[in-house]
Amino acid sequence: MAKFLLVLIPACLVVAIAILSVQNATPVSLQFLAFRSVVLPFGLWLGVGLAAGMLGTSALLTLFAGR
């Protein structure tokens, strides 16, 4: 059951991001302090954030798995 949930939860997130990216095709530019990013669709920014979070979490889990 746990393995099923490990597949189901990311799959639901990917589907939700896909739906949001289709509905939110408006180009936006992110601004952090004095830095401004390139203009990309909002759904793409959501996907990049989701991918970065998943990769970061898996990297941290791999580093600290032996403890």
Protein backbone atom coordinates (compact mmCIF):
# COMPACT_ATOMS: atom_id res chain seq x y z
CA MET A 1 0.00 0.00 0.00
CA ALA A 2 2.84 2.39 0.81
CA LYS A 3 4.45 1.86 -2.60
CA PHE A 4 1.12 2.58 -4.24
CA LEU A 5 0.88 5.90 -2.40
CA LEU A 6 4.46 6.76 -3.38
CA VAL A 7 3.36 6.55 -7.00
CA LEU A 8 -0.15 7.96 -6.60
CA ILE A 9 0.72 11.22 -4.83
CA PRO A 10 3.31 12.48 -7.37
CA ALA A 11 1.04 11.35 -10.21
CA CYS A 12 -1.81 13.45 -8.80
CA LEU A 13 0.54 16.43 -8.47
CA VAL A 14 1.68 16.08 -12.06
CA VAL A 15 -1.93 15.90 -13.29
CA ALA A 16 -2.85 18.96 -11.22
CA ILE A 17 0.12 20.91 -12.60
CA ALA A 18 -0.81 19.88 -16.14
CA ILE A 19 -4.39 21.11 -15.67
CA LEU A 20 -3.21 24.38 -14.11
CA SER A 21 -0.67 24.97 -16.84
CA VAL A 22 -3.31 24.63 -19.53
CA GLN A 23 -5.66 26.99 -17.70
CA ASN A 24 -2.96 29.53 -16.78
CA ALA A 25 -1.11 30.25 -20.00
CA THR A 26 -0.62 33.90 -19.08
CA PRO A 27 3.06 34.87 -19.25
CA VAL A 28 4.48 36.13 -15.94
CA SER A 29 7.86 37.31 -14.75
CA LEU A 30 9.07 36.50 -11.24
CA GLN A 31 10.85 39.14 -9.19
CA PHE A 32 13.09 38.44 -6.20
CA LEU A 33 14.74 41.46 -4.57
CA ALA A 34 16.29 43.31 -7.53
CA PHE A 35 16.39 40.32 -9.87
CA ARG A 36 13.75 39.69 -12.53
CA SER A 37 13.32 36.43 -14.42
CA VAL A 38 12.42 35.83 -18.03
CA VAL A 39 8.76 35.87 -18.99
CA LEU A 40 7.32 32.32 -19.00
CA PRO A 41 3.80 30.92 -18.64
CA PHE A 42 2.59 30.55 -15.07
CA GLY A 43 2.00 26.82 -15.50
CA LEU A 44 5.60 26.33 -16.52
CA TRP A 45 6.78 28.10 -13.38
CA LEU A 46 4.58 25.76 -11.33
CA GLY A 47 6.07 22.75 -13.06
CA VAL A 48 9.62 23.98 -12.50
CA GLY A 49 8.87 24.53 -8.83
CA LEU A 50 7.35 21.08 -8.47
CA ALA A 51 10.29 19.42 -10.21
CA ALA A 52 12.81 21.34 -8.10
CA GLY A 53 11.00 20.33 -4.92
CA MET A 54 10.83 16.67 -5.91
CA LEU A 55 14.52 16.58 -6.88
CA GLY A 56 15.57 18.40 -3.74
CA THR A 57 13.55 16.10 -1.52
CA SER A 58 14.90 12.98 -3.18
CA ALA A 59 18.47 14.30 -2.87
CA LEU A 60 18.03 15.03 0.84
CA LEU A 61 16.41 11.65 1.45
CA THR A 62 19.30 9.94 -0.33
CA LEU A 63 21.90 11.86 1.69
CA PHE A 64 20.29 11.16 5.04
CA ALA A 65 19.03 7.62 4.37
CA GLY A 66 21.87 5.95 6.24
CA ARG A 67 21.23 7.72 9.53
